[in-house]
Amino acid sequence: MDKTAISVQIYNETYVLRTSAPQTQVLKIAQNVDERMKRLAADKKVQNREKLAVWTALDLAAELTELQERYDKLLAAVRER
């Protein structure tokens, strides 16, 4: 699959990403990351970009873990039927 360059804006910084993912998906993900970084910067009073990126990664990982656990429980319930 061919990769295309997609420009995204995250926390006032432009990144050019080479990806085979659909542009709409990449833009939606980048917007999610941008919004989380801005929210966490305000909530945690963090200005350091590197620390803010780690907080954002942890925030996303926590959400992913919670969703994975919920998915596993639902899948187990469906399999029991």
PDB file of N, CA and C in Angstrom:
ATOM      1  N   MET A   1       0.844  -1.177   0.000  1.00  0.00           N
ATOM      2  CA  MET A   1       0.000   0.000   0.000  1.00  0.00           C
ATOM      3  C   MET A   1       0.892   1.245   0.000  1.00  0.00           C
ATOM      4  N   ASP A   2       0.529   2.214  -0.803  1.00  0.00           N
ATOM      5  CA  ASP A   2       1.306   3.443  -0.910  1.00  0.00           C
ATOM      6  C   ASP A   2       1.123   4.325   0.317  1.00  0.00           C
ATOM      7  N   LYS A   3       2.206   4.978   0.685  1.00  0.00           N
ATOM      8  CA  LYS A   3       2.151   5.921   1.794  1.00  0.00           C
ATOM      9  C   LYS A   3       2.064   7.330   1.242  1.00  0.00           C
ATOM     10  N   THR A   4       1.275   8.150   1.914  1.00  0.00           N
ATOM     11  CA  THR A   4       1.160   9.550   1.532  1.00  0.00           C
ATOM     12  C   THR A   4       1.573  10.421   2.713  1.00  0.00           C
ATOM     13  N   ALA A   5       1.973  11.643   2.417  1.00  0.00           N
ATOM     14  CA  ALA A   5       2.359  12.593   3.458  1.00  0.00           C
ATOM     15  C   ALA A   5       1.125  13.375   3.889  1.00  0.00           C
ATOM     16  N   ILE A   6       0.901  13.403   5.184  1.00  0.00           N
ATOM     17  CA  ILE A   6      -0.233  14.139   5.744  1.00  0.00           C
ATOM     18  C   ILE A   6       0.308  15.086   6.807  1.00  0.00           C
ATOM     19  N   SER A   7      -0.022  16.347   6.669  1.00  0.00           N
ATOM     20  CA  SER A   7       0.426  17.368   7.611  1.00  0.00           C
ATOM     21  C   SER A   7      -0.623  17.529   8.706  1.00  0.00           C
ATOM     22  N   VAL A   8      -0.170  17.457   9.962  1.00  0.00           N
ATOM     23  CA  VAL A   8      -1.073  17.620  11.100  1.00  0.00           C
ATOM     24  C   VAL A   8      -0.502  18.661  12.055  1.00  0.00           C
ATOM     25  N   GLN A   9      -1.383  19.263  12.819  1.00  0.00           N
ATOM     26  CA  GLN A   9      -0.991  20.270  13.805  1.00  0.00           C
ATOM     27  C   GLN A   9      -1.290  19.699  15.190  1.00  0.00           C
ATOM     28  N   ILE A  10      -0.257  19.547  16.006  1.00  0.00           N
ATOM     29  CA  ILE A  10      -0.423  19.043  17.364  1.00  0.00           C
ATOM     30  C   ILE A  10       0.320  19.967  18.322  1.00  0.00           C
ATOM     31  N   TYR A  11      -0.406  20.541  19.241  1.00  0.00           N
ATOM     32  CA  TYR A  11       0.143  21.437  20.259  1.00  0.00           C
ATOM     33  C   TYR A  11       1.038  22.514  19.642  1.00  0.00           C
ATOM     34  N   ASN A  12       0.467  23.191  18.657  1.00  0.00           N
ATOM     35  CA  ASN A  12       1.119  24.316  17.975  1.00  0.00           C
ATOM     36  C   ASN A  12       2.391  23.929  17.221  1.00  0.00           C
ATOM     37  N   GLU A  13       2.485  22.697  16.844  1.00  0.00           N
ATOM     38  CA  GLU A  13       3.642  22.206  16.084  1.00  0.00           C
ATOM     39  C   GLU A  13       3.110  21.433  14.885  1.00  0.00           C
ATOM     40  N   THR A  14       3.728  21.623  13.728  1.00  0.00           N
ATOM     41  CA  THR A  14       3.316  20.911  12.527  1.00  0.00           C
ATOM     42  C   THR A  14       4.174  19.671  12.342  1.00  0.00           C
ATOM     43  N   TYR A  15       3.515  18.558  12.060  1.00  0.00           N
ATOM     44  CA  TYR A  15       4.190  17.288  11.802  1.00  0.00           C
ATOM     45  C   TYR A  15       3.715  16.767  10.455  1.00  0.00           C
ATOM     46  N   VAL A  16       4.641  16.281   9.666  1.00  0.00           N
ATOM     47  CA  VAL A  16       4.296  15.643   8.406  1.00  0.00           C
ATOM     48  C   VAL A  16       4.476  14.147   8.611  1.00  0.00           C
ATOM     49  N   LEU A  17       3.383  13.427   8.487  1.00  0.00           N
ATOM     50  CA  LEU A  17       3.380  11.994   8.723  1.00  0.00           C
ATOM     51  C   LEU A  17       3.257  11.254   7.399  1.00  0.00           C
ATOM     52  N   ARG A  18       4.117  10.273   7.184  1.00  0.00           N
ATOM     53  CA  ARG A  18       4.010   9.405   5.996  1.00  0.00           C
ATOM     54  C   ARG A  18       3.314   8.128   6.441  1.00  0.00           C
ATOM     55  N   THR A  19       2.130   7.902   5.881  1.00  0.00           N
ATOM     56  CA  THR A  19       1.316   6.789   6.339  1.00  0.00           C
ATOM     57  C   THR A  19       0.428   6.261   5.221  1.00  0.00           C
ATOM     58  N   SER A  20       0.019   5.020   5.378  1.00  0.00           N
ATOM     59  CA  SER A  20      -0.945   4.436   4.443  1.00  0.00           C
ATOM     60  C   SER A  20      -2.362   4.506   5.016  1.00  0.00           C
ATOM     61  N   ALA A  21      -2.495   5.037   6.224  1.00  0.00           N
ATOM     62  CA  ALA A  21      -3.818   5.188   6.846  1.00  0.00           C
ATOM     63  C   ALA A  21      -4.608   6.268   6.114  1.00  0.00           C
ATOM     64  N   PRO A  22      -5.932   6.146   6.132  1.00  0.00           N
ATOM     65  CA  PRO A  22      -6.765   7.185   5.493  1.00  0.00           C
ATOM     66  C   PRO A  22      -6.550   8.557   6.142  1.00  0.00           C
ATOM     67  N   GLN A  23      -6.538   9.592   5.312  1.00  0.00           N
ATOM     68  CA  GLN A  23      -6.282  10.943   5.798  1.00  0.00           C
ATOM     69  C   GLN A  23      -7.284  11.357   6.877  1.00  0.00           C
ATOM     70  N   THR A  24      -8.552  11.044   6.695  1.00  0.00           N
ATOM     71  CA  THR A  24      -9.557  11.438   7.687  1.00  0.00           C
ATOM     72  C   THR A  24      -9.259  10.806   9.041  1.00  0.00           C
ATOM     73  N   GLN A  25      -8.792   9.569   9.042  1.00  0.00           N
ATOM     74  CA  GLN A  25      -8.457   8.882  10.294  1.00  0.00           C
ATOM     75  C   GLN A  25      -7.245   9.538  10.961  1.00  0.00           C
ATOM     76  N   VAL A  26      -6.216   9.840  10.174  1.00  0.00           N
ATOM     77  CA  VAL A  26      -5.005  10.469  10.714  1.00  0.00           C
ATOM     78  C   VAL A  26      -5.338  11.837  11.297  1.00  0.00           C
ATOM     79  N   LEU A  27      -6.134  12.616  10.597  1.00  0.00           N
ATOM     80  CA  LEU A  27      -6.503  13.945  11.079  1.00  0.00           C
ATOM     81  C   LEU A  27      -7.323  13.861  12.363  1.00  0.00           C
ATOM     82  N   LYS A  28      -8.215  12.886  12.449  1.00  0.00           N
ATOM     83  CA  LYS A  28      -9.028  12.708  13.651  1.00  0.00           C
ATOM     84  C   LYS A  28      -8.155  12.326  14.842  1.00  0.00           C
ATOM     85  N   ILE A  29      -7.204  11.432  14.631  1.00  0.00           N
ATOM     86  CA  ILE A  29      -6.295  11.010  15.700  1.00  0.00           C
ATOM     87  C   ILE A  29      -5.440  12.181  16.158  1.00  0.00           C
ATOM     88  N   ALA A  30      -4.894  12.924  15.200  1.00  0.00           N
ATOM     89  CA  ALA A  30      -4.057  14.077  15.538  1.00  0.00           C
ATOM     90  C   ALA A  30      -4.858  15.119  16.319  1.00  0.00           C
ATOM     91  N   GLN A  31      -6.101  15.327  15.935  1.00  0.00           N
ATOM     92  CA  GLN A  31      -6.955  16.277  16.651  1.00  0.00           C
ATOM     93  C   GLN A  31      -7.192  15.799  18.081  1.00  0.00           C
ATOM     94  N   ASN A  32      -7.399  14.513  18.255  1.00  0.00           N
ATOM     95  CA  ASN A  32      -7.592  13.934  19.590  1.00  0.00           C
ATOM     96  C   ASN A  32      -6.355  14.172  20.452  1.00  0.00           C
ATOM     97  N   VAL A  33      -5.181  13.903  19.910  1.00  0.00           N
ATOM     98  CA  VAL A  33      -3.933  14.105  20.652  1.00  0.00           C
ATOM     99  C   VAL A  33      -3.752  15.584  20.993  1.00  0.00           C
ATOM    100  N   ASP A  34      -4.017  16.457  20.028  1.00  0.00           N
ATOM    101  CA  ASP A  34      -3.884  17.896  20.240  1.00  0.00           C
ATOM    102  C   ASP A  34      -4.805  18.365  21.364  1.00  0.00           C
ATOM    103  N   GLU A  35      -6.061  17.932  21.337  1.00  0.00           N
ATOM    104  CA  GLU A  35      -7.021  18.337  22.368  1.00  0.00           C
ATOM    105  C   GLU A  35      -6.607  17.816  23.743  1.00  0.00           C
ATOM    106  N   ARG A  36      -6.123  16.576  23.789  1.00  0.00           N
ATOM    107  CA  ARG A  36      -5.696  16.013  25.077  1.00  0.00           C
ATOM    108  C   ARG A  36      -4.478  16.753  25.623  1.00  0.00           C
ATOM    109  N   MET A  37      -3.536  17.071  24.751  1.00  0.00           N
ATOM    110  CA  MET A  37      -2.349  17.793  25.217  1.00  0.00           C
ATOM    111  C   MET A  37      -2.735  19.156  25.774  1.00  0.00           C
ATOM    112  N   LYS A  38      -3.611  19.846  25.089  1.00  0.00           N
ATOM    113  CA  LYS A  38      -4.044  21.165  25.559  1.00  0.00           C
ATOM    114  C   LYS A  38      -4.796  21.057  26.884  1.00  0.00           C
ATOM    115  N   ARG A  39      -5.663  20.049  26.982  1.00  0.00           N
ATOM    116  CA  ARG A  39      -6.427  19.864  28.232  1.00  0.00           C
ATOM    117  C   ARG A  39      -5.504  19.511  29.383  1.00  0.00           C
ATOM    118  N   LEU A  40      -4.572  18.580  29.131  1.00  0.00           N
ATOM    119  CA  LEU A  40      -3.654  18.186  30.195  1.00  0.00           C
ATOM    120  C   LEU A  40      -2.709  19.322  30.579  1.00  0.00           C
ATOM    121  N   ALA A  41      -2.307  20.132  29.612  1.00  0.00           N
ATOM    122  CA  ALA A  41      -1.447  21.287  29.916  1.00  0.00           C
ATOM    123  C   ALA A  41      -2.161  22.223  30.880  1.00  0.00           C
ATOM    124  N   ALA A  42      -3.451  22.419  30.652  1.00  0.00           N
ATOM    125  CA  ALA A  42      -4.217  23.307  31.523  1.00  0.00           C
ATOM    126  C   ALA A  42      -4.497  22.642  32.876  1.00  0.00           C
ATOM    127  N   ASP A  43      -4.912  21.375  32.846  1.00  0.00           N
ATOM    128  CA  ASP A  43      -5.268  20.673  34.083  1.00  0.00           C
ATOM    129  C   ASP A  43      -4.064  20.428  34.990  1.00  0.00           C
ATOM    130  N   LYS A  44      -2.961  20.006  34.412  1.00  0.00           N
ATOM    131  CA  LYS A  44      -1.769  19.624  35.190  1.00  0.00           C
ATOM    132  C   LYS A  44      -0.772  20.767  35.329  1.00  0.00           C
ATOM    133  N   LYS A  45      -1.064  21.878  34.649  1.00  0.00           N
ATOM    134  CA  LYS A  45      -0.151  23.032  34.663  1.00  0.00           C
ATOM    135  C   LYS A  45       1.255  22.633  34.190  1.00  0.00           C
ATOM    136  N   VAL A  46       1.292  21.807  33.153  1.00  0.00           N
ATOM    137  CA  VAL A  46       2.567  21.337  32.592  1.00  0.00           C
ATOM    138  C   VAL A  46       2.863  22.143  31.335  1.00  0.00           C
ATOM    139  N   GLN A  47       4.032  22.731  31.268  1.00  0.00           N
ATOM    140  CA  GLN A  47       4.431  23.504  30.097  1.00  0.00           C
ATOM    141  C   GLN A  47       5.493  22.783  29.272  1.00  0.00           C
ATOM    142  N   ASN A  48       6.258  21.915  29.904  1.00  0.00           N
ATOM    143  CA  ASN A  48       7.312  21.178  29.214  1.00  0.00           C
ATOM    144  C   ASN A  48       6.688  20.220  28.199  1.00  0.00           C
ATOM    145  N   ARG A  49       7.020  20.393  26.934  1.00  0.00           N
ATOM    146  CA  ARG A  49       6.415  19.611  25.854  1.00  0.00           C
ATOM    147  C   ARG A  49       6.672  18.115  26.020  1.00  0.00           C
ATOM    148  N   GLU A  50       7.876  17.740  26.433  1.00  0.00           N
ATOM    149  CA  GLU A  50       8.212  16.330  26.594  1.00  0.00           C
ATOM    150  C   GLU A  50       7.385  15.689  27.709  1.00  0.00           C
ATOM    151  N   LYS A  51       7.288  16.361  28.840  1.00  0.00           N
ATOM    152  CA  LYS A  51       6.480  15.834  29.944  1.00  0.00           C
ATOM    153  C   LYS A  51       5.010  15.770  29.554  1.00  0.00           C
ATOM    154  N   LEU A  52       4.558  16.773  28.834  1.00  0.00           N
ATOM    155  CA  LEU A  52       3.180  16.805  28.379  1.00  0.00           C
ATOM    156  C   LEU A  52       2.897  15.656  27.416  1.00  0.00           C
ATOM    157  N   ALA A  53       3.845  15.355  26.548  1.00  0.00           N
ATOM    158  CA  ALA A  53       3.688  14.226  25.625  1.00  0.00           C
ATOM    159  C   ALA A  53       3.597  12.904  26.390  1.00  0.00           C
ATOM    160  N   VAL A  54       4.389  12.768  27.450  1.00  0.00           N
ATOM    161  CA  VAL A  54       4.333  11.542  28.263  1.00  0.00           C
ATOM    162  C   VAL A  54       2.996  11.456  28.985  1.00  0.00           C
ATOM    163  N   TRP A  55       2.525  12.562  29.563  1.00  0.00           N
ATOM    164  CA  TRP A  55       1.211  12.570  30.223  1.00  0.00           C
ATOM    165  C   TRP A  55       0.120  12.164  29.241  1.00  0.00           C
ATOM    166  N   THR A  56       0.206  12.695  28.025  1.00  0.00           N
ATOM    167  CA  THR A  56      -0.788  12.387  26.998  1.00  0.00           C
ATOM    168  C   THR A  56      -0.734  10.906  26.626  1.00  0.00           C
ATOM    169  N   ALA A  57       0.464  10.371  26.476  1.00  0.00           N
ATOM    170  CA  ALA A  57       0.613   8.944  26.170  1.00  0.00           C
ATOM    171  C   ALA A  57       0.032   8.087  27.288  1.00  0.00           C
ATOM    172  N   LEU A  58       0.289   8.464  28.530  1.00  0.00           N
ATOM    173  CA  LEU A  58      -0.260   7.725  29.670  1.00  0.00           C
ATOM    174  C   LEU A  58      -1.789   7.818  29.709  1.00  0.00           C
ATOM    175  N   ASP A  59      -2.314   8.981  29.416  1.00  0.00           N
ATOM    176  CA  ASP A  59      -3.753   9.189  29.391  1.00  0.00           C
ATOM    177  C   ASP A  59      -4.401   8.302  28.323  1.00  0.00           C
ATOM    178  N   LEU A  60      -3.809   8.278  27.142  1.00  0.00           N
ATOM    179  CA  LEU A  60      -4.324   7.442  26.057  1.00  0.00           C
ATOM    180  C   LEU A  60      -4.175   5.957  26.371  1.00  0.00           C
ATOM    181  N   ALA A  61      -3.054   5.578  26.968  1.00  0.00           N
ATOM    182  CA  ALA A  61      -2.829   4.176  27.327  1.00  0.00           C
ATOM    183  C   ALA A  61      -3.829   3.722  28.388  1.00  0.00           C
ATOM    184  N   ALA A  62      -4.143   4.585  29.334  1.00  0.00           N
ATOM    185  CA  ALA A  62      -5.132   4.244  30.359  1.00  0.00           C
ATOM    186  C   ALA A  62      -6.502   4.028  29.728  1.00  0.00           C
ATOM    187  N   GLU A  63      -6.867   4.896  28.812  1.00  0.00           N
ATOM    188  CA  GLU A  63      -8.152   4.740  28.125  1.00  0.00           C
ATOM    189  C   GLU A  63      -8.167   3.455  27.289  1.00  0.00           C
ATOM    190  N   LEU A  64      -7.094   3.188  26.593  1.00  0.00           N
ATOM    191  CA  LEU A  64      -7.000   1.967  25.787  1.00  0.00           C
ATOM    192  C   LEU A  64      -7.106   0.725  26.657  1.00  0.00           C
ATOM    193  N   THR A  65      -6.430   0.730  27.798  1.00  0.00           N
ATOM    194  CA  THR A  65      -6.470  -0.415  28.710  1.00  0.00           C
ATOM    195  C   THR A  65      -7.883  -0.634  29.229  1.00  0.00           C
ATOM    196  N   GLU A  66      -8.552   0.440  29.609  1.00  0.00           N
ATOM    197  CA  GLU A  66      -9.932   0.337  30.101  1.00  0.00           C
ATOM    198  C   GLU A  66     -10.854  -0.222  29.008  1.00  0.00           C
ATOM    199  N   LEU A  67     -10.717   0.292  27.802  1.00  0.00           N
ATOM    200  CA  LEU A  67     -11.552  -0.187  26.702  1.00  0.00           C
ATOM    201  C   LEU A  67     -11.259  -1.651  26.368  1.00  0.00           C
ATOM    202  N   GLN A  68      -9.982  -2.038  26.424  1.00  0.00           N
ATOM    203  CA  GLN A  68      -9.610  -3.426  26.152  1.00  0.00           C
ATOM    204  C   GLN A  68     -10.212  -4.360  27.199  1.00  0.00           C
ATOM    205  N   GLU A  69     -10.175  -3.952  28.457  1.00  0.00           N
ATOM    206  CA  GLU A  69     -10.762  -4.763  29.527  1.00  0.00           C
ATOM    207  C   GLU A  69     -12.273  -4.899  29.339  1.00  0.00           C
ATOM    208  N   ARG A  70     -12.937  -3.809  28.976  1.00  0.00           N
ATOM    209  CA  ARG A  70     -14.379  -3.857  28.732  1.00  0.00           C
ATOM    210  C   ARG A  70     -14.692  -4.753  27.537  1.00  0.00           C
ATOM    211  N   TYR A  71     -13.902  -4.639  26.498  1.00  0.00           N
ATOM    212  CA  TYR A  71     -14.078  -5.476  25.308  1.00  0.00           C
ATOM    213  C   TYR A  71     -13.898  -6.949  25.659  1.00  0.00           C
ATOM    214  N   ASP A  72     -12.859  -7.274  26.408  1.00  0.00           N
ATOM    215  CA  ASP A  72     -12.599  -8.667  26.795  1.00  0.00           C
ATOM    216  C   ASP A  72     -13.765  -9.238  27.608  1.00  0.00           C
ATOM    217  N   LYS A  73     -14.331  -8.432  28.518  1.00  0.00           N
ATOM    218  CA  LYS A  73     -15.476  -8.885  29.318  1.00  0.00           C
ATOM    219  C   LYS A  73     -16.701  -9.121  28.440  1.00  0.00           C
ATOM    220  N   LEU A  74     -16.953  -8.207  27.515  1.00  0.00           N
ATOM    221  CA  LEU A  74     -18.086  -8.375  26.611  1.00  0.00           C
ATOM    222  C   LEU A  74     -17.909  -9.594  25.711  1.00  0.00           C
ATOM    223  N   LEU A  75     -16.706  -9.770  25.206  1.00  0.00           N
ATOM    224  CA  LEU A  75     -16.418 -10.921  24.355  1.00  0.00           C
ATOM    225  C   LEU A  75     -16.597 -12.222  25.121  1.00  0.00           C
ATOM    226  N   ALA A  76     -16.140 -12.264  26.359  1.00  0.00           N
ATOM    227  CA  ALA A  76     -16.300 -13.453  27.194  1.00  0.00           C
ATOM    228  C   ALA A  76     -17.779 -13.730  27.441  1.00  0.00           C
ATOM    229  N   ALA A  77     -18.570 -12.695  27.677  1.00  0.00           N
ATOM    230  CA  ALA A  77     -20.012 -12.861  27.910  1.00  0.00           C
ATOM    231  C   ALA A  77     -20.697 -13.401  26.661  1.00  0.00           C
ATOM    232  N   VAL A  78     -20.318 -12.908  25.493  1.00  0.00           N
ATOM    233  CA  VAL A  78     -20.904 -13.387  24.248  1.00  0.00           C
ATOM    234  C   VAL A  78     -20.533 -14.842  24.003  1.00  0.00           C
ATOM    235  N   ARG A  79     -19.316 -15.207  24.286  1.00  0.00           N
ATOM    236  CA  ARG A  79     -18.856 -16.592  24.081  1.00  0.00           C
ATOM    237  C   ARG A  79     -19.533 -17.574  25.026  1.00  0.00           C
ATOM    238  N   GLU A  80     -19.973 -17.099  26.177  1.00  0.00           N
ATOM    239  CA  GLU A  80     -20.641 -17.976  27.156  1.00  0.00           C
ATOM    240  C   GLU A  80     -22.059 -18.330  26.719  1.00  0.00           C
ATOM    241  N   ARG A  81     -22.628 -17.553  25.846  1.00  0.00           N
ATOM    242  CA  ARG A  81     -24.018 -17.780  25.402  1.00  0.00           C
ATOM    243  C   ARG A  81     -24.139 -18.969  24.497  1.00  0.00           C
TER     244      ARG A  81
END
